[in-house]
């Protein structure tokens, strides 16, 4: 509950965000003020605008993964004519990922 006393013009609400191990995209919420009691019946009411705002919790766990090359350094002999580079996807496997 947030209560504004006479003369107070701002208040702070602390939102706790708990990190998890599940790779996911940004999470979207709506922060809504509810149960608002406005003003003093003897003095009138104060308008409430807007009563909500979008809230985004940004992903920090690379839901699409991180691409890396294995081995990190490659040496190919001209005589062999062929070499292999492996692309490794770690840290998330949501959706399709392409590279060139």
PDB file of N, CA and C in Angstrom:
ATOM      1  N   UNK A   1       0.852  -1.168   0.000  1.00  0.00           N
ATOM      2  CA  UNK A   1       0.000   0.000   0.000  1.00  0.00           C
ATOM      3  C   UNK A   1       0.898   1.231   0.000  1.00  0.00           C
ATOM      4  N   UNK A   2       0.514   2.206  -0.801  1.00  0.00           N
ATOM      5  CA  UNK A   2       1.224   3.472  -0.864  1.00  0.00           C
ATOM      6  C   UNK A   2       0.268   4.556  -0.403  1.00  0.00           C
ATOM      7  N   UNK A   3       0.713   5.355   0.535  1.00  0.00           N
ATOM      8  CA  UNK A   3      -0.105   6.450   1.052  1.00  0.00           C
ATOM      9  C   UNK A   3       0.675   7.740   0.880  1.00  0.00           C
ATOM     10  N   UNK A   4       0.047   8.726   0.265  1.00  0.00           N
ATOM     11  CA  UNK A   4       0.635  10.051   0.137  1.00  0.00           C
ATOM     12  C   UNK A   4       0.075  10.930   1.246  1.00  0.00           C
ATOM     13  N   UNK A   5       0.974  11.479   2.040  1.00  0.00           N
ATOM     14  CA  UNK A   5       0.547  12.408   3.084  1.00  0.00           C
ATOM     15  C   UNK A   5       0.522  13.810   2.490  1.00  0.00           C
ATOM     16  N   UNK A   6      -0.082  14.731   3.186  1.00  0.00           N
ATOM     17  CA  UNK A   6      -0.170  16.115   2.718  1.00  0.00           C
ATOM     18  C   UNK A   6       1.226  16.643   2.393  1.00  0.00           C
ATOM     19  N   UNK A   7       1.386  17.213   1.194  1.00  0.00           N
ATOM     20  CA  UNK A   7       2.669  17.782   0.768  1.00  0.00           C
ATOM     21  C   UNK A   7       3.591  16.810   0.062  1.00  0.00           C
ATOM     22  N   UNK A   8       3.293  15.519   0.104  1.00  0.00           N
ATOM     23  CA  UNK A   8       4.134  14.509  -0.552  1.00  0.00           C
ATOM     24  C   UNK A   8       3.767  14.426  -2.030  1.00  0.00           C
ATOM     25  N   UNK A   9       4.786  14.417  -2.918  1.00  0.00           N
ATOM     26  CA  UNK A   9       4.514  14.387  -4.356  1.00  0.00           C
ATOM     27  C   UNK A   9       5.016  13.131  -5.049  1.00  0.00           C
ATOM     28  N   UNK A  10       5.809  12.276  -4.401  1.00  0.00           N
ATOM     29  CA  UNK A  10       6.253  11.015  -5.000  1.00  0.00           C
ATOM     30  C   UNK A  10       6.370   9.937  -3.945  1.00  0.00           C
ATOM     31  N   UNK A  11       6.303   8.706  -4.436  1.00  0.00           N
ATOM     32  CA  UNK A  11       6.505   7.545  -3.576  1.00  0.00           C
ATOM     33  C   UNK A  11       7.221   6.490  -4.404  1.00  0.00           C
ATOM     34  N   UNK A  12       7.893   5.589  -3.747  1.00  0.00           N
ATOM     35  CA  UNK A  12       8.667   4.547  -4.429  1.00  0.00           C
ATOM     36  C   UNK A  12       8.077   3.184  -4.114  1.00  0.00           C
ATOM     37  N   UNK A  13       7.968   2.356  -5.153  1.00  0.00           N
ATOM     38  CA  UNK A  13       7.544   0.970  -4.988  1.00  0.00           C
ATOM     39  C   UNK A  13       8.717   0.106  -5.437  1.00  0.00           C
ATOM     40  N   UNK A  14       9.162  -0.791  -4.602  1.00  0.00           N
ATOM     41  CA  UNK A  14      10.284  -1.664  -4.933  1.00  0.00           C
ATOM     42  C   UNK A  14       9.727  -2.969  -5.498  1.00  0.00           C
ATOM     43  N   UNK A  15      10.196  -3.338  -6.691  1.00  0.00           N
ATOM     44  CA  UNK A  15       9.786  -4.585  -7.333  1.00  0.00           C
ATOM     45  C   UNK A  15      10.954  -5.557  -7.287  1.00  0.00           C
ATOM     46  N   UNK A  16      10.751  -6.714  -6.716  1.00  0.00           N
ATOM     47  CA  UNK A  16      11.801  -7.727  -6.647  1.00  0.00           C
ATOM     48  C   UNK A  16      11.690  -8.641  -7.862  1.00  0.00           C
ATOM     49  N   UNK A  17      12.787  -8.804  -8.585  1.00  0.00           N
ATOM     50  CA  UNK A  17      12.840  -9.685  -9.746  1.00  0.00           C
ATOM     51  C   UNK A  17      13.805 -10.815  -9.412  1.00  0.00           C
ATOM     52  N   UNK A  18      13.332 -12.031  -9.527  1.00  0.00           N
ATOM     53  CA  UNK A  18      14.143 -13.195  -9.182  1.00  0.00           C
ATOM     54  C   UNK A  18      14.610 -13.875 -10.468  1.00  0.00           C
ATOM     55  N   UNK A  19      15.913 -14.004 -10.638  1.00  0.00           N
ATOM     56  CA  UNK A  19      16.477 -14.675 -11.813  1.00  0.00           C
ATOM     57  C   UNK A  19      16.219 -16.176 -11.721  1.00  0.00           C
ATOM     58  N   UNK A  20      15.994 -16.786 -12.880  1.00  0.00           N
ATOM     59  CA  UNK A  20      15.819 -18.230 -12.918  1.00  0.00           C
ATOM     60  C   UNK A  20      16.765 -18.810 -13.965  1.00  0.00           C
ATOM     61  N   UNK A  21      16.775 -20.125 -14.076  1.00  0.00           N
ATOM     62  CA  UNK A  21      17.680 -20.802 -15.014  1.00  0.00           C
ATOM     63  C   UNK A  21      17.010 -21.142 -16.334  1.00  0.00           C
ATOM     64  N   UNK A  22      15.777 -20.704 -16.528  1.00  0.00           N
ATOM     65  CA  UNK A  22      15.054 -21.025 -17.751  1.00  0.00           C
ATOM     66  C   UNK A  22      15.277 -19.928 -18.788  1.00  0.00           C
ATOM     67  N   UNK A  23      15.920 -20.252 -19.919  1.00  0.00           N
ATOM     68  CA  UNK A  23      16.090 -19.239 -20.959  1.00  0.00           C
ATOM     69  C   UNK A  23      14.720 -18.798 -21.477  1.00  0.00           C
ATOM     70  N   UNK A  24      14.506 -17.500 -21.487  1.00  0.00           N
ATOM     71  CA  UNK A  24      13.221 -16.973 -21.920  1.00  0.00           C
ATOM     72  C   UNK A  24      13.401 -15.579 -22.501  1.00  0.00           C
ATOM     73  N   UNK A  25      12.399 -15.127 -23.221  1.00  0.00           N
ATOM     74  CA  UNK A  25      12.431 -13.797 -23.797  1.00  0.00           C
ATOM     75  C   UNK A  25      12.022 -12.774 -22.739  1.00  0.00           C
ATOM     76  N   UNK A  26      12.055 -11.483 -23.125  1.00  0.00           N
ATOM     77  CA  UNK A  26      11.593 -10.442 -22.217  1.00  0.00           C
ATOM     78  C   UNK A  26      10.200 -10.800 -21.713  1.00  0.00           C
ATOM     79  N   UNK A  27       9.935 -10.471 -20.466  1.00  0.00           N
ATOM     80  CA  UNK A  27       8.618 -10.719 -19.889  1.00  0.00           C
ATOM     81  C   UNK A  27       7.883  -9.389 -19.774  1.00  0.00           C
ATOM     82  N   UNK A  28       6.654  -9.347 -20.270  1.00  0.00           N
ATOM     83  CA  UNK A  28       5.865  -8.122 -20.293  1.00  0.00           C
ATOM     84  C   UNK A  28       4.737  -8.200 -19.280  1.00  0.00           C
ATOM     85  N   UNK A  29       4.587  -7.135 -18.506  1.00  0.00           N
ATOM     86  CA  UNK A  29       3.543  -7.041 -17.501  1.00  0.00           C
ATOM     87  C   UNK A  29       2.886  -5.672 -17.597  1.00  0.00           C
ATOM     88  N   UNK A  30       1.825  -5.513 -16.896  1.00  0.00           N
ATOM     89  CA  UNK A  30       1.177  -4.212 -16.754  1.00  0.00           C
ATOM     90  C   UNK A  30       1.183  -3.895 -15.269  1.00  0.00           C
ATOM     91  N   UNK A  31       1.783  -2.768 -14.894  1.00  0.00           N
ATOM     92  CA  UNK A  31       1.799  -2.327 -13.498  1.00  0.00           C
ATOM     93  C   UNK A  31       0.560  -1.461 -13.311  1.00  0.00           C
ATOM     94  N   UNK A  32      -0.359  -1.912 -12.444  1.00  0.00           N
ATOM     95  CA  UNK A  32      -1.660  -1.265 -12.322  1.00  0.00           C
ATOM     96  C   UNK A  32      -1.891  -0.808 -10.884  1.00  0.00           C
ATOM     97  N   UNK A  33      -2.373   0.410 -10.742  1.00  0.00           N
ATOM     98  CA  UNK A  33      -2.801   0.912  -9.433  1.00  0.00           C
ATOM     99  C   UNK A  33      -4.258   0.513  -9.256  1.00  0.00           C
ATOM    100  N   UNK A  34      -4.546  -0.150  -8.153  1.00  0.00           N
ATOM    101  CA  UNK A  34      -5.925  -0.583  -7.892  1.00  0.00           C
ATOM    102  C   UNK A  34      -6.347  -0.116  -6.506  1.00  0.00           C
ATOM    103  N   UNK A  35      -7.623  -0.134  -6.271  1.00  0.00           N
ATOM    104  CA  UNK A  35      -8.139   0.234  -4.953  1.00  0.00           C
ATOM    105  C   UNK A  35      -7.781   1.645  -4.564  1.00  0.00           C
ATOM    106  N   UNK A  36      -7.736   2.541  -5.542  1.00  0.00           N
ATOM    107  CA  UNK A  36      -7.323   3.915  -5.274  1.00  0.00           C
ATOM    108  C   UNK A  36      -8.452   4.685  -4.605  1.00  0.00           C
ATOM    109  N   UNK A  37      -8.120   5.323  -3.504  1.00  0.00           N
ATOM    110  CA  UNK A  37      -9.047   6.229  -2.833  1.00  0.00           C
ATOM    111  C   UNK A  37      -8.490   7.620  -3.087  1.00  0.00           C
ATOM    112  N   UNK A  38      -9.251   8.410  -3.811  1.00  0.00           N
ATOM    113  CA  UNK A  38      -8.750   9.714  -4.244  1.00  0.00           C
ATOM    114  C   UNK A  38      -9.308  10.844  -3.397  1.00  0.00           C
ATOM    115  N   UNK A  39      -8.431  11.683  -2.945  1.00  0.00           N
ATOM    116  CA  UNK A  39      -8.828  12.941  -2.330  1.00  0.00           C
ATOM    117  C   UNK A  39      -9.607  12.824  -1.028  1.00  0.00           C
ATOM    118  N   UNK A  40     -10.127  13.916  -0.627  1.00  0.00           N
ATOM    119  CA  UNK A  40     -10.914  14.059   0.596  1.00  0.00           C
ATOM    120  C   UNK A  40     -12.335  14.430   0.166  1.00  0.00           C
ATOM    121  N   UNK A  41     -13.336  13.693   0.618  1.00  0.00           N
ATOM    122  CA  UNK A  41     -14.705  13.983   0.182  1.00  0.00           C
ATOM    123  C   UNK A  41     -15.107  15.441   0.393  1.00  0.00           C
ATOM    124  N   UNK A  42     -14.531  16.100   1.383  1.00  0.00           N
ATOM    125  CA  UNK A  42     -14.890  17.488   1.645  1.00  0.00           C
ATOM    126  C   UNK A  42     -14.175  18.449   0.682  1.00  0.00           C
ATOM    127  N   UNK A  43     -13.032  18.018   0.119  1.00  0.00           N
ATOM    128  CA  UNK A  43     -12.248  18.902  -0.747  1.00  0.00           C
ATOM    129  C   UNK A  43     -12.371  18.545  -2.223  1.00  0.00           C
ATOM    130  N   UNK A  44     -12.941  17.407  -2.545  1.00  0.00           N
ATOM    131  CA  UNK A  44     -13.017  16.960  -3.933  1.00  0.00           C
ATOM    132  C   UNK A  44     -12.028  15.833  -4.169  1.00  0.00           C
ATOM    133  N   UNK A  45     -11.893  15.424  -5.426  1.00  0.00           N
ATOM    134  CA  UNK A  45     -11.015  14.304  -5.732  1.00  0.00           C
ATOM    135  C   UNK A  45      -9.929  14.727  -6.708  1.00  0.00           C
ATOM    136  N   UNK A  46      -8.843  13.985  -6.714  1.00  0.00           N
ATOM    137  CA  UNK A  46      -7.735  14.204  -7.652  1.00  0.00           C
ATOM    138  C   UNK A  46      -7.860  13.182  -8.763  1.00  0.00           C
ATOM    139  N   UNK A  47      -7.729  13.602 -10.036  1.00  0.00           N
ATOM    140  CA  UNK A  47      -7.812  12.619 -11.131  1.00  0.00           C
ATOM    141  C   UNK A  47      -6.637  11.650 -11.104  1.00  0.00           C
ATOM    142  N   UNK A  48      -6.852  10.464 -11.609  1.00  0.00           N
ATOM    143  CA  UNK A  48      -5.828   9.434 -11.676  1.00  0.00           C
ATOM    144  C   UNK A  48      -5.550   9.155 -13.141  1.00  0.00           C
ATOM    145  N   UNK A  49      -4.374   9.592 -13.624  1.00  0.00           N
ATOM    146  CA  UNK A  49      -4.058   9.397 -15.042  1.00  0.00           C
ATOM    147  C   UNK A  49      -2.566   9.188 -15.209  1.00  0.00           C
ATOM    148  N   UNK A  50      -2.104   8.167 -15.853  1.00  0.00           N
ATOM    149  CA  UNK A  50      -2.863   6.948 -16.141  1.00  0.00           C
ATOM    150  C   UNK A  50      -2.782   6.002 -14.947  1.00  0.00           C
ATOM    151  N   UNK A  51      -3.719   5.081 -14.793  1.00  0.00           N
ATOM    152  CA  UNK A  51      -3.697   4.165 -13.653  1.00  0.00           C
ATOM    153  C   UNK A  51      -2.788   2.953 -13.856  1.00  0.00           C
ATOM    154  N   UNK A  52      -2.185   2.841 -15.056  1.00  0.00           N
ATOM    155  CA  UNK A  52      -1.305   1.690 -15.301  1.00  0.00           C
ATOM    156  C   UNK A  52      -0.193   2.089 -16.255  1.00  0.00           C
ATOM    157  N   UNK A  53       0.842   1.264 -16.290  1.00  0.00           N
ATOM    158  CA  UNK A  53       1.960   1.476 -17.208  1.00  0.00           C
ATOM    159  C   UNK A  53       2.562   0.122 -17.572  1.00  0.00           C
ATOM    160  N   UNK A  54       3.055  -0.029 -18.802  1.00  0.00           N
ATOM    161  CA  UNK A  54       3.702  -1.292 -19.164  1.00  0.00           C
ATOM    162  C   UNK A  54       5.008  -1.471 -18.388  1.00  0.00           C
ATOM    163  N   UNK A  55       5.342  -2.707 -18.103  1.00  0.00           N
ATOM    164  CA  UNK A  55       6.571  -3.048 -17.385  1.00  0.00           C
ATOM    165  C   UNK A  55       7.231  -4.214 -18.107  1.00  0.00           C
ATOM    166  N   UNK A  56       8.487  -4.058 -18.473  1.00  0.00           N
ATOM    167  CA  UNK A  56       9.226  -5.122 -19.152  1.00  0.00           C
ATOM    168  C   UNK A  56      10.370  -5.583 -18.270  1.00  0.00           C
ATOM    169  N   UNK A  57      10.444  -6.881 -18.033  1.00  0.00           N
ATOM    170  CA  UNK A  57      11.598  -7.477 -17.357  1.00  0.00           C
ATOM    171  C   UNK A  57      12.471  -8.033 -18.478  1.00  0.00           C
ATOM    172  N   UNK A  58      13.617  -7.395 -18.696  1.00  0.00           N
ATOM    173  CA  UNK A  58      14.494  -7.767 -19.809  1.00  0.00           C
ATOM    174  C   UNK A  58      15.168  -9.114 -19.546  1.00  0.00           C
ATOM    175  N   UNK A  59      15.195  -9.943 -20.575  1.00  0.00           N
ATOM    176  CA  UNK A  59      15.857 -11.246 -20.477  1.00  0.00           C
ATOM    177  C   UNK A  59      17.352 -11.042 -20.273  1.00  0.00           C
ATOM    178  N   UNK A  60      17.935 -11.851 -19.439  1.00  0.00           N
ATOM    179  CA  UNK A  60      19.376 -11.770 -19.203  1.00  0.00           C
ATOM    180  C   UNK A  60      20.049 -13.119 -19.426  1.00  0.00           C
ATOM    181  N   UNK A  61      19.324 -14.030 -20.060  1.00  0.00           N
ATOM    182  CA  UNK A  61      19.842 -15.391 -20.150  1.00  0.00           C
ATOM    183  C   UNK A  61      19.900 -15.927 -21.580  1.00  0.00           C
ATOM    184  N   UNK A  62      19.927 -15.040 -22.581  1.00  0.00           N
ATOM    185  CA  UNK A  62      20.109 -15.423 -23.984  1.00  0.00           C
ATOM    186  C   UNK A  62      19.190 -16.571 -24.392  1.00  0.00           C
ATOM    187  N   UNK A  63      17.874 -16.317 -24.497  1.00  0.00           N
ATOM    188  CA  UNK A  63      16.936 -17.399 -24.797  1.00  0.00           C
ATOM    189  C   UNK A  63      17.217 -18.100 -26.119  1.00  0.00           C
ATOM    190  N   UNK A  64      17.835 -17.405 -27.071  1.00  0.00           N
ATOM    191  CA  UNK A  64      18.133 -18.031 -28.357  1.00  0.00           C
ATOM    192  C   UNK A  64      19.519 -18.671 -28.368  1.00  0.00           C
ATOM    193  N   UNK A  65      20.203 -18.596 -27.246  1.00  0.00           N
ATOM    194  CA  UNK A  65      21.517 -19.209 -27.142  1.00  0.00           C
ATOM    195  C   UNK A  65      22.633 -18.284 -27.589  1.00  0.00           C
ATOM    196  N   UNK A  66      23.830 -18.761 -27.425  1.00  0.00           N
ATOM    197  CA  UNK A  66      25.040 -18.066 -27.843  1.00  0.00           C
ATOM    198  C   UNK A  66      25.766 -19.008 -28.794  1.00  0.00           C
ATOM    199  N   UNK A  67      26.102 -18.497 -29.968  1.00  0.00           N
ATOM    200  CA  UNK A  67      26.807 -19.326 -30.951  1.00  0.00           C
ATOM    201  C   UNK A  67      28.302 -19.135 -30.798  1.00  0.00           C
ATOM    202  N   UNK A  68      29.022 -20.226 -30.860  1.00  0.00           N
ATOM    203  CA  UNK A  68      30.479 -20.195 -30.773  1.00  0.00           C
ATOM    204  C   UNK A  68      31.083 -21.203 -31.732  1.00  0.00           C
ATOM    205  N   UNK A  69      32.326 -20.982 -32.068  1.00  0.00           N
ATOM    206  CA  UNK A  69      33.029 -21.880 -32.994  1.00  0.00           C
ATOM    207  C   UNK A  69      33.950 -22.810 -32.227  1.00  0.00           C
ATOM    208  N   UNK A  70      33.987 -24.066 -32.654  1.00  0.00           N
ATOM    209  CA  UNK A  70      34.873 -25.066 -32.065  1.00  0.00           C
ATOM    210  C   UNK A  70      35.643 -25.736 -33.192  1.00  0.00           C
ATOM    211  N   UNK A  71      36.904 -25.846 -33.166  1.00  0.00           N
ATOM    212  CA  UNK A  71      37.793 -25.264 -32.170  1.00  0.00           C
ATOM    213  C   UNK A  71      37.900 -23.756 -32.355  1.00  0.00           C
ATOM    214  N   UNK A  72      38.362 -23.080 -31.307  1.00  0.00           N
ATOM    215  CA  UNK A  72      38.460 -21.625 -31.352  1.00  0.00           C
ATOM    216  C   UNK A  72      39.493 -21.166 -32.373  1.00  0.00           C
ATOM    217  N   UNK A  73      40.488 -21.987 -32.622  1.00  0.00           N
ATOM    218  CA  UNK A  73      41.503 -21.675 -33.626  1.00  0.00           C
ATOM    219  C   UNK A  73      41.641 -22.891 -34.531  1.00  0.00           C
ATOM    220  N   UNK A  74      41.650 -22.667 -35.836  1.00  0.00           N
ATOM    221  CA  UNK A  74      41.644 -23.764 -36.791  1.00  0.00           C
ATOM    222  C   UNK A  74      42.832 -23.642 -37.720  1.00  0.00           C
ATOM    223  N   UNK A  75      43.479 -24.743 -37.951  1.00  0.00           N
ATOM    224  CA  UNK A  75      44.590 -24.788 -38.901  1.00  0.00           C
ATOM    225  C   UNK A  75      44.350 -25.967 -39.840  1.00  0.00           C
ATOM    226  N   UNK A  76      44.371 -25.688 -41.136  1.00  0.00           N
ATOM    227  CA  UNK A  76      44.131 -26.726 -42.136  1.00  0.00           C
ATOM    228  C   UNK A  76      45.347 -26.811 -43.045  1.00  0.00           C
ATOM    229  N   UNK A  77      45.780 -28.018 -43.286  1.00  0.00           N
ATOM    230  CA  UNK A  77      46.897 -28.246 -44.197  1.00  0.00           C
ATOM    231  C   UNK A  77      46.391 -28.145 -45.635  1.00  0.00           C
ATOM    232  N   UNK A  78      47.163 -27.488 -46.511  1.00  0.00           N
ATOM    233  CA  UNK A  78      46.794 -27.424 -47.923  1.00  0.00           C
ATOM    234  C   UNK A  78      46.673 -28.819 -48.522  1.00  0.00           C
ATOM    235  N   UNK A  79      47.475 -29.724 -48.040  1.00  0.00           N
ATOM    236  CA  UNK A  79      47.470 -31.082 -48.578  1.00  0.00           C
ATOM    237  C   UNK A  79      46.157 -31.810 -48.273  1.00  0.00           C
ATOM    238  N   UNK A  80      45.543 -31.513 -47.125  1.00  0.00           N
ATOM    239  CA  UNK A  80      44.309 -32.228 -46.773  1.00  0.00           C
ATOM    240  C   UNK A  80      43.124 -31.708 -47.587  1.00  0.00           C
ATOM    241  N   UNK A  81      43.111 -30.423 -47.880  1.00  0.00           N
ATOM    242  CA  UNK A  81      42.047 -29.851 -48.692  1.00  0.00           C
ATOM    243  C   UNK A  81      40.701 -29.687 -47.984  1.00  0.00           C
ATOM    244  N   UNK A  82      40.554 -30.232 -46.803  1.00  0.00           N
ATOM    245  CA  UNK A  82      39.277 -30.158 -46.099  1.00  0.00           C
ATOM    246  C   UNK A  82      39.517 -29.918 -44.613  1.00  0.00           C
ATOM    247  N   UNK A  83      38.674 -29.091 -44.030  1.00  0.00           N
ATOM    248  CA  UNK A  83      38.714 -28.866 -42.588  1.00  0.00           C
ATOM    249  C   UNK A  83      37.292 -28.716 -42.080  1.00  0.00           C
ATOM    250  N   UNK A  84      37.098 -28.937 -40.812  1.00  0.00           N
ATOM    251  CA  UNK A  84      35.770 -28.866 -40.225  1.00  0.00           C
ATOM    252  C   UNK A  84      35.749 -27.836 -39.111  1.00  0.00           C
ATOM    253  N   UNK A  85      34.725 -27.033 -39.127  1.00  0.00           N
ATOM    254  CA  UNK A  85      34.469 -26.089 -38.041  1.00  0.00           C
ATOM    255  C   UNK A  85      33.080 -26.413 -37.507  1.00  0.00           C
ATOM    256  N   UNK A  86      32.960 -26.563 -36.220  1.00  0.00           N
ATOM    257  CA  UNK A  86      31.675 -26.869 -35.603  1.00  0.00           C
ATOM    258  C   UNK A  86      31.126 -25.601 -34.951  1.00  0.00           C
ATOM    259  N   UNK A  87      29.851 -25.346 -35.150  1.00  0.00           N
ATOM    260  CA  UNK A  87      29.177 -24.217 -34.518  1.00  0.00           C
ATOM    261  C   UNK A  87      28.385 -24.776 -33.345  1.00  0.00           C
ATOM    262  N   UNK A  88      28.666 -24.263 -32.177  1.00  0.00           N
ATOM    263  CA  UNK A  88      28.029 -24.758 -30.959  1.00  0.00           C
ATOM    264  C   UNK A  88      27.049 -23.707 -30.430  1.00  0.00           C
ATOM    265  N   UNK A  89      25.855 -24.155 -30.072  1.00  0.00           N
ATOM    266  CA  UNK A  89      24.826 -23.280 -29.499  1.00  0.00           C
ATOM    267  C   UNK A  89      24.679 -23.635 -28.027  1.00  0.00           C
ATOM    268  N   UNK A  90      24.957 -22.676 -27.159  1.00  0.00           N
ATOM    269  CA  UNK A  90      24.874 -22.925 -25.718  1.00  0.00           C
ATOM    270  C   UNK A  90      24.001 -21.859 -25.054  1.00  0.00           C
ATOM    271  N   UNK A  91      23.491 -22.178 -23.892  1.00  0.00           N
ATOM    272  CA  UNK A  91      22.796 -21.202 -23.068  1.00  0.00           C
ATOM    273  C   UNK A  91      21.346 -20.940 -23.424  1.00  0.00           C
ATOM    274  N   UNK A  92      20.776 -21.660 -24.357  1.00  0.00           N
ATOM    275  CA  UNK A  92      19.370 -21.458 -24.707  1.00  0.00           C
ATOM    276  C   UNK A  92      19.075 -22.072 -26.047  1.00  0.00           C
ATOM    277  N   UNK A  93      17.872 -22.559 -26.232  1.00  0.00           N
ATOM    278  CA  UNK A  93      17.506 -23.218 -27.484  1.00  0.00           C
ATOM    279  C   UNK A  93      16.083 -22.842 -27.908  1.00  0.00           C
ATOM    280  N   UNK A  94      15.666 -21.614 -27.601  1.00  0.00           N
ATOM    281  CA  UNK A  94      14.342 -21.152 -27.984  1.00  0.00           C
ATOM    282  C   UNK A  94      14.350 -20.760 -29.452  1.00  0.00           C
ATOM    283  N   UNK A  95      13.444 -21.271 -30.224  1.00  0.00           N
ATOM    284  CA  UNK A  95      13.290 -20.835 -31.616  1.00  0.00           C
ATOM    285  C   UNK A  95      14.449 -21.192 -32.506  1.00  0.00           C
ATOM    286  N   UNK A  96      14.351 -20.717 -33.739  1.00  0.00           N
ATOM    287  CA  UNK A  96      15.375 -20.969 -34.759  1.00  0.00           C
ATOM    288  C   UNK A  96      16.406 -19.848 -34.752  1.00  0.00           C
ATOM    289  N   UNK A  97      17.636 -20.192 -35.067  1.00  0.00           N
ATOM    290  CA  UNK A  97      18.731 -19.239 -35.182  1.00  0.00           C
ATOM    291  C   UNK A  97      19.484 -19.559 -36.444  1.00  0.00           C
ATOM    292  N   UNK A  98      19.851 -18.533 -37.208  1.00  0.00           N
ATOM    293  CA  UNK A  98      20.611 -18.728 -38.444  1.00  0.00           C
ATOM    294  C   UNK A  98      21.846 -17.848 -38.420  1.00  0.00           C
ATOM    295  N   UNK A  99      22.891 -18.275 -39.100  1.00  0.00           N
ATOM    296  CA  UNK A  99      24.099 -17.467 -39.230  1.00  0.00           C
ATOM    297  C   UNK A  99      24.680 -17.707 -40.613  1.00  0.00           C
ATOM    298  N   UNK A 100      25.492 -16.771 -41.073  1.00  0.00           N
ATOM    299  CA  UNK A 100      26.159 -16.921 -42.378  1.00  0.00           C
ATOM    300  C   UNK A 100      27.634 -16.686 -42.220  1.00  0.00           C
TER     301      UNK A 100
END
